[in-house]
N, C-alpha and C. Protein backbone atom coordinates (compact mmCIF):
# COMPACT_ATOMS: atom_id res chain seq x y z
N MET A 1 6.67 4.38 -16.80
CA MET A 1 7.01 4.98 -15.51
C MET A 1 7.92 6.16 -15.62
N ASN A 2 7.69 7.31 -15.12
CA ASN A 2 8.69 8.33 -15.18
C ASN A 2 9.81 8.09 -14.17
N ASP A 3 10.93 8.88 -14.36
CA ASP A 3 12.14 8.57 -13.55
C ASP A 3 11.90 8.67 -12.05
N THR A 4 11.05 9.68 -11.70
CA THR A 4 10.67 9.79 -10.22
C THR A 4 10.00 8.71 -9.71
N VAL A 5 9.05 8.18 -10.44
CA VAL A 5 8.26 7.02 -9.91
C VAL A 5 9.21 5.74 -9.90
N LEU A 6 10.06 5.64 -10.88
CA LEU A 6 11.02 4.52 -10.95
C LEU A 6 11.81 4.53 -9.65
N ARG A 7 12.35 5.73 -9.39
CA ARG A 7 13.22 5.87 -8.15
C ARG A 7 12.37 5.42 -6.90
N ALA A 8 11.17 5.78 -6.88
CA ALA A 8 10.33 5.37 -5.71
C ALA A 8 10.22 3.83 -5.70
N VAL A 9 10.09 3.18 -6.77
CA VAL A 9 10.04 1.75 -6.79
C VAL A 9 11.33 1.06 -6.24
N HIS A 10 12.50 1.72 -6.71
CA HIS A 10 13.81 1.26 -6.15
C HIS A 10 13.97 1.46 -4.70
N GLU A 11 13.41 2.60 -4.20
CA GLU A 11 13.49 2.87 -2.79
C GLU A 11 12.59 1.82 -2.03
N LEU A 12 11.46 1.39 -2.60
CA LEU A 12 10.68 0.41 -1.93
C LEU A 12 11.42 -0.92 -1.90
N GLU A 13 12.06 -1.27 -3.01
CA GLU A 13 12.87 -2.48 -3.06
C GLU A 13 13.93 -2.50 -2.03
N ALA A 14 14.62 -1.32 -1.80
CA ALA A 14 15.69 -1.18 -0.84
C ALA A 14 15.20 -1.20 0.64
N ASP A 15 13.94 -0.60 0.88
CA ASP A 15 13.34 -0.54 2.09
C ASP A 15 12.76 -1.99 2.54
N PHE A 16 12.35 -2.65 1.70
CA PHE A 16 11.66 -3.95 1.91
C PHE A 16 12.57 -5.11 1.09
N PRO A 17 13.78 -5.34 1.51
CA PRO A 17 14.61 -6.19 0.64
C PRO A 17 14.25 -7.61 0.70
N SER A 18 13.45 -8.08 1.69
CA SER A 18 13.24 -9.46 1.74
C SER A 18 11.90 -9.72 1.16
N HIS A 19 11.23 -8.73 0.59
CA HIS A 19 9.87 -8.90 0.03
C HIS A 19 9.86 -8.68 -1.44
N ARG A 20 9.12 -9.37 -2.15
CA ARG A 20 9.03 -9.19 -3.65
C ARG A 20 8.27 -7.95 -3.90
N VAL A 21 8.77 -7.02 -4.67
CA VAL A 21 8.06 -5.78 -5.06
C VAL A 21 7.70 -5.88 -6.53
N GLU A 22 6.38 -5.86 -6.85
CA GLU A 22 6.01 -5.86 -8.27
C GLU A 22 5.61 -4.39 -8.57
N ALA A 23 6.13 -3.95 -9.72
CA ALA A 23 5.68 -2.68 -10.23
C ALA A 23 5.33 -2.67 -11.68
N HIS A 24 4.20 -2.23 -12.01
CA HIS A 24 3.71 -2.18 -13.38
C HIS A 24 3.32 -0.83 -13.88
N PRO A 25 3.78 -0.36 -15.04
CA PRO A 25 3.37 0.99 -15.50
C PRO A 25 1.94 1.14 -15.50
N ASP A 26 1.38 2.38 -15.18
CA ASP A 26 0.01 2.53 -15.23
C ASP A 26 -0.43 3.18 -16.47
N GLY A 27 0.44 3.47 -17.41
CA GLY A 27 0.06 4.07 -18.62
C GLY A 27 -0.01 5.64 -18.61
N GLU A 28 0.29 6.23 -17.45
CA GLU A 28 0.28 7.63 -17.38
C GLU A 28 1.55 8.15 -16.76
N GLY A 29 2.54 7.36 -16.62
CA GLY A 29 3.88 7.78 -16.09
C GLY A 29 4.02 7.34 -14.60
N GLY A 30 2.99 6.78 -14.04
CA GLY A 30 2.95 6.26 -12.64
C GLY A 30 3.24 4.68 -12.68
N ALA A 31 3.02 4.11 -11.52
CA ALA A 31 3.01 2.65 -11.36
C ALA A 31 2.06 2.19 -10.43
N ILE A 32 1.69 0.92 -10.65
CA ILE A 32 0.85 0.15 -9.72
C ILE A 32 1.76 -0.83 -9.20
N VAL A 33 1.73 -0.81 -7.83
CA VAL A 33 2.80 -1.55 -7.04
C VAL A 33 2.12 -2.54 -6.13
N ARG A 34 2.78 -3.76 -5.91
CA ARG A 34 2.29 -4.66 -4.97
C ARG A 34 3.57 -5.18 -4.20
N VAL A 35 3.58 -5.05 -2.91
CA VAL A 35 4.66 -5.54 -2.11
C VAL A 35 4.12 -6.79 -1.34
N HIS A 36 4.81 -7.93 -1.44
CA HIS A 36 4.31 -9.19 -1.00
C HIS A 36 4.91 -9.53 0.43
N ASP A 37 4.18 -10.39 1.17
CA ASP A 37 4.62 -11.00 2.33
C ASP A 37 4.99 -10.11 3.51
N LEU A 38 4.11 -9.03 3.67
CA LEU A 38 4.35 -8.09 4.74
C LEU A 38 3.60 -8.41 6.03
N SER A 39 4.34 -8.41 7.17
CA SER A 39 3.70 -8.76 8.44
C SER A 39 2.73 -7.71 8.95
N VAL A 40 1.52 -8.00 9.21
CA VAL A 40 0.67 -7.21 9.89
C VAL A 40 0.29 -7.51 11.33
N GLY A 41 1.04 -8.55 11.86
CA GLY A 41 0.82 -8.84 13.28
C GLY A 41 -0.23 -10.00 13.45
N ASP A 42 -0.17 -10.50 14.74
CA ASP A 42 -1.00 -11.71 14.94
C ASP A 42 -2.53 -11.37 15.22
N THR A 43 -2.86 -10.05 15.24
CA THR A 43 -4.18 -9.61 15.37
C THR A 43 -5.00 -9.99 14.22
N TYR A 44 -4.41 -10.14 13.09
CA TYR A 44 -5.07 -10.36 11.75
C TYR A 44 -4.82 -11.73 11.23
N GLU A 45 -5.79 -12.00 10.33
CA GLU A 45 -5.80 -13.31 9.57
C GLU A 45 -6.03 -12.90 8.13
N PRO A 46 -5.03 -13.10 7.23
CA PRO A 46 -3.75 -13.64 7.45
C PRO A 46 -2.85 -12.63 8.14
N SER A 47 -1.79 -13.08 8.81
CA SER A 47 -0.82 -12.29 9.40
C SER A 47 0.23 -11.73 8.52
N ARG A 48 0.30 -12.27 7.37
CA ARG A 48 1.21 -11.78 6.32
C ARG A 48 0.47 -11.62 4.99
N VAL A 49 0.62 -10.38 4.53
CA VAL A 49 -0.26 -10.04 3.35
C VAL A 49 0.61 -9.32 2.30
N TRP A 50 -0.04 -9.18 1.13
CA TRP A 50 0.47 -8.30 0.12
C TRP A 50 -0.25 -6.98 0.30
N VAL A 51 0.39 -5.86 -0.15
CA VAL A 51 -0.29 -4.47 -0.03
C VAL A 51 -0.07 -3.91 -1.48
N THR A 52 -1.15 -3.48 -2.07
CA THR A 52 -1.13 -2.79 -3.38
C THR A 52 -1.50 -1.40 -3.30
N PHE A 53 -0.86 -0.56 -4.19
CA PHE A 53 -1.23 0.88 -4.09
C PHE A 53 -0.61 1.42 -5.49
N ARG A 54 -1.01 2.69 -5.77
CA ARG A 54 -0.62 3.31 -6.99
C ARG A 54 0.30 4.47 -6.61
N ILE A 55 1.33 4.59 -7.43
CA ILE A 55 2.18 5.85 -7.41
C ILE A 55 1.93 6.62 -8.60
N VAL A 56 1.20 7.84 -8.48
CA VAL A 56 0.70 8.52 -9.63
C VAL A 56 1.98 9.38 -10.21
N TYR A 57 1.75 9.68 -11.45
CA TYR A 57 2.81 10.31 -12.20
C TYR A 57 3.27 11.63 -11.59
N THR A 58 2.48 12.30 -10.72
CA THR A 58 2.83 13.63 -10.12
C THR A 58 3.63 13.45 -8.83
N TYR A 59 3.84 12.15 -8.54
CA TYR A 59 4.78 11.79 -7.37
C TYR A 59 6.14 12.49 -7.50
N PRO A 60 6.67 13.11 -6.57
CA PRO A 60 6.33 13.08 -5.06
C PRO A 60 5.50 14.10 -4.52
N THR A 61 4.81 14.84 -5.35
CA THR A 61 4.01 15.87 -4.82
C THR A 61 2.59 15.27 -4.39
N ALA A 62 2.29 14.14 -4.95
CA ALA A 62 0.99 13.41 -4.66
C ALA A 62 1.17 12.41 -3.57
N ASP A 63 0.27 12.32 -2.63
CA ASP A 63 0.19 11.36 -1.50
C ASP A 63 0.10 10.04 -2.09
N ILE A 64 0.38 9.03 -1.43
CA ILE A 64 0.24 7.58 -1.85
C ILE A 64 -0.96 7.02 -1.01
N TYR A 65 -2.10 6.92 -1.59
CA TYR A 65 -3.23 6.36 -0.96
C TYR A 65 -4.24 6.10 -1.94
N PRO A 66 -5.30 5.20 -1.79
CA PRO A 66 -5.30 4.26 -0.60
C PRO A 66 -4.38 3.07 -0.85
N HIS A 67 -4.26 2.22 0.18
CA HIS A 67 -3.58 0.97 0.15
C HIS A 67 -4.46 -0.11 0.23
N TYR A 68 -4.22 -1.11 -0.57
CA TYR A 68 -5.27 -2.32 -0.71
C TYR A 68 -4.51 -3.61 -0.16
N PHE A 69 -5.44 -4.33 0.67
CA PHE A 69 -4.97 -5.58 1.28
C PHE A 69 -5.98 -6.65 0.69
N PRO A 70 -5.57 -7.91 0.87
CA PRO A 70 -6.42 -9.06 0.32
C PRO A 70 -7.81 -8.86 0.89
N GLU A 71 -8.84 -9.31 0.06
CA GLU A 71 -10.18 -9.30 0.47
C GLU A 71 -10.43 -9.98 1.79
N SER A 72 -9.65 -11.05 1.99
CA SER A 72 -9.79 -11.93 3.16
C SER A 72 -9.15 -11.32 4.45
N PHE A 73 -8.60 -10.21 4.42
CA PHE A 73 -7.92 -9.58 5.52
C PHE A 73 -9.02 -9.26 6.48
N GLN A 74 -8.76 -9.79 7.75
CA GLN A 74 -9.79 -9.60 8.82
C GLN A 74 -9.05 -9.86 10.17
N ARG A 75 -9.85 -9.31 11.23
CA ARG A 75 -9.24 -9.62 12.57
C ARG A 75 -9.56 -10.94 13.01
N ARG A 76 -8.59 -11.54 13.77
CA ARG A 76 -8.70 -12.95 14.34
C ARG A 76 -9.85 -12.93 15.23
N ASP A 77 -10.14 -11.91 16.04
CA ASP A 77 -11.19 -11.93 17.03
C ASP A 77 -12.60 -11.68 16.49
N GLY A 78 -12.76 -11.57 15.25
CA GLY A 78 -14.08 -11.47 14.54
C GLY A 78 -14.63 -9.97 14.61
N ARG A 79 -13.97 -9.11 15.27
CA ARG A 79 -14.39 -7.72 15.40
C ARG A 79 -14.23 -7.07 13.94
N PRO A 80 -14.96 -6.01 13.66
CA PRO A 80 -14.73 -5.36 12.38
C PRO A 80 -13.38 -4.70 12.28
N LEU A 81 -12.88 -4.47 11.10
CA LEU A 81 -11.64 -3.79 10.98
C LEU A 81 -11.72 -2.37 11.45
N GLY A 82 -12.81 -1.74 11.35
CA GLY A 82 -12.91 -0.41 11.75
C GLY A 82 -12.84 0.60 10.86
N GLU A 83 -12.76 2.01 11.28
CA GLU A 83 -12.71 3.12 10.49
C GLU A 83 -11.62 3.12 9.45
N ALA A 84 -11.81 3.62 8.39
CA ALA A 84 -10.73 3.78 7.26
C ALA A 84 -10.56 2.51 6.45
N PHE A 85 -11.38 1.41 6.76
CA PHE A 85 -11.33 0.15 6.04
C PHE A 85 -12.58 -0.04 5.34
N SER A 86 -12.58 -0.57 4.02
CA SER A 86 -13.78 -0.94 3.36
C SER A 86 -13.43 -1.91 2.32
N THR A 87 -14.37 -2.69 1.94
CA THR A 87 -14.09 -3.64 0.73
C THR A 87 -14.65 -3.02 -0.45
N THR A 88 -13.77 -3.11 -1.55
CA THR A 88 -14.16 -2.47 -2.76
C THR A 88 -13.66 -3.33 -3.89
N VAL A 89 -14.19 -3.18 -5.05
CA VAL A 89 -13.69 -3.91 -6.28
C VAL A 89 -12.69 -2.93 -6.96
N VAL A 90 -11.50 -3.40 -7.12
CA VAL A 90 -10.48 -2.59 -7.73
C VAL A 90 -9.99 -3.11 -9.15
N GLU A 91 -9.60 -2.20 -9.98
CA GLU A 91 -8.96 -2.52 -11.27
C GLU A 91 -7.73 -1.65 -11.26
N LEU A 92 -6.53 -2.11 -10.82
CA LEU A 92 -5.29 -1.52 -10.88
C LEU A 92 -4.36 -2.38 -11.70
N GLY A 93 -4.30 -2.06 -12.99
CA GLY A 93 -3.45 -2.80 -13.87
C GLY A 93 -3.73 -4.31 -13.80
N PRO A 94 -2.68 -5.08 -13.47
CA PRO A 94 -2.89 -6.54 -13.39
C PRO A 94 -3.61 -6.98 -12.11
N PHE A 95 -3.72 -6.08 -11.19
CA PHE A 95 -4.46 -6.37 -9.95
C PHE A 95 -5.91 -5.96 -9.94
N LYS A 96 -6.77 -6.99 -10.01
CA LYS A 96 -8.17 -6.85 -10.24
C LYS A 96 -8.98 -7.62 -9.18
N GLY A 97 -10.03 -7.15 -8.82
CA GLY A 97 -11.02 -7.88 -7.92
C GLY A 97 -11.33 -7.20 -6.65
N SER A 98 -11.97 -7.88 -5.82
CA SER A 98 -12.40 -7.40 -4.55
C SER A 98 -11.16 -7.41 -3.59
N MET A 99 -10.96 -6.24 -2.92
CA MET A 99 -9.83 -6.10 -2.07
C MET A 99 -10.40 -5.19 -0.73
N THR A 100 -9.62 -5.35 0.30
CA THR A 100 -9.85 -4.51 1.44
C THR A 100 -9.00 -3.19 1.36
N MET A 101 -9.70 -2.04 1.31
CA MET A 101 -8.96 -0.81 1.21
C MET A 101 -8.74 -0.16 2.54
N ALA A 102 -7.60 0.32 2.73
CA ALA A 102 -7.31 1.15 3.87
C ALA A 102 -6.98 2.60 3.36
N SER A 103 -7.89 3.50 3.80
CA SER A 103 -7.64 4.88 3.25
C SER A 103 -7.08 5.69 4.43
N ARG A 104 -5.66 5.95 4.20
CA ARG A 104 -5.04 6.69 5.21
C ARG A 104 -4.32 7.92 4.48
N LYS A 105 -5.10 8.91 4.29
CA LYS A 105 -4.50 10.06 3.59
C LYS A 105 -3.62 10.85 4.45
N SER A 106 -2.52 11.29 3.91
CA SER A 106 -1.47 12.09 4.72
C SER A 106 -1.93 13.61 4.40
N ASN A 107 -2.57 14.21 5.31
CA ASN A 107 -2.98 15.62 5.16
C ASN A 107 -1.83 16.51 5.12
N ARG A 108 -0.70 16.13 5.64
CA ARG A 108 0.49 17.04 5.62
C ARG A 108 1.60 16.42 4.77
N TRP A 109 1.29 15.82 3.68
CA TRP A 109 2.23 15.14 2.75
C TRP A 109 3.28 16.23 2.42
N ASN A 110 4.46 15.90 2.55
CA ASN A 110 5.57 16.89 2.14
C ASN A 110 6.45 16.18 1.14
N ALA A 111 6.50 16.70 -0.04
CA ALA A 111 7.28 15.97 -1.18
C ALA A 111 8.76 16.01 -0.91
N ALA A 112 9.26 16.94 -0.06
CA ALA A 112 10.70 16.86 0.31
C ALA A 112 11.06 15.95 1.35
N ARG A 113 10.05 15.38 2.04
CA ARG A 113 10.31 14.42 3.09
C ARG A 113 9.63 13.03 2.93
N ASP A 114 8.38 13.00 2.47
CA ASP A 114 7.62 11.82 2.41
C ASP A 114 7.91 11.08 1.12
N THR A 115 7.93 9.66 1.23
CA THR A 115 8.14 8.79 0.12
C THR A 115 7.04 7.68 0.08
N ALA A 116 6.98 6.97 -0.91
CA ALA A 116 6.08 5.82 -1.05
C ALA A 116 6.54 4.77 -0.03
N ALA A 117 7.89 4.54 0.21
CA ALA A 117 8.28 3.48 1.10
C ALA A 117 7.89 4.03 2.52
N LEU A 118 8.20 5.28 2.84
CA LEU A 118 7.90 5.71 4.23
C LEU A 118 6.32 5.57 4.50
N LYS A 119 5.47 5.85 3.44
CA LYS A 119 4.07 5.83 3.55
C LYS A 119 3.63 4.35 3.89
N LEU A 120 4.26 3.41 3.18
CA LEU A 120 3.88 2.03 3.38
C LEU A 120 4.23 1.56 4.78
N HIS A 121 5.45 2.04 5.33
CA HIS A 121 5.88 1.70 6.63
C HIS A 121 4.85 2.30 7.71
N MET A 122 4.40 3.47 7.39
CA MET A 122 3.45 4.17 8.31
C MET A 122 2.08 3.45 8.26
N VAL A 123 1.67 3.05 7.14
CA VAL A 123 0.37 2.31 7.01
C VAL A 123 0.46 0.95 7.74
N LEU A 124 1.55 0.25 7.53
CA LEU A 124 1.67 -1.02 8.18
C LEU A 124 1.78 -0.83 9.70
N GLU A 125 2.45 0.26 10.21
CA GLU A 125 2.54 0.51 11.63
C GLU A 125 1.17 0.89 12.27
N TRP A 126 0.35 1.58 11.46
CA TRP A 126 -0.95 1.92 11.90
C TRP A 126 -1.81 0.73 11.99
N VAL A 127 -1.73 -0.17 11.00
CA VAL A 127 -2.48 -1.42 11.14
C VAL A 127 -2.11 -2.28 12.33
N ARG A 128 -0.84 -2.42 12.47
CA ARG A 128 -0.25 -3.30 13.67
C ARG A 128 -0.68 -2.85 14.97
N ASN A 129 -0.86 -1.45 15.13
CA ASN A 129 -1.09 -0.87 16.44
C ASN A 129 -2.50 -0.53 16.69
N ARG A 130 -3.39 -1.00 15.96
CA ARG A 130 -4.87 -0.72 16.20
C ARG A 130 -5.30 -1.53 17.29
N PRO A 131 -6.14 -0.95 18.01
CA PRO A 131 -6.68 -1.60 19.27
C PRO A 131 -7.71 -2.69 18.84
């Protein structure tokens, strides 16, 4: 992990202090990250999930996306998760297998303002507030 990516991991640990943050080097200077036990609200089953994503070596100039949720992630009411979600097979370092992908690209990503921690907060807020 390069120093900028390592700082991003430390920011995630500071922003999510009651959650286990796993970070594994990706072999290119970036990191594969999983943050555990995040609340996504009662609309979903499970209501607490891990979220996995990659911070690439060009961070902070590169957006953080997509974000991956457990394959079992679903709405309690049985409705589809909706746009921006799909199920895919992932091989991200130690995290392999079928996962639910949320693709929320930040078209106005600003390296001076946006962070991996902020992006995770935004993705979680988007999930929690979906109709």
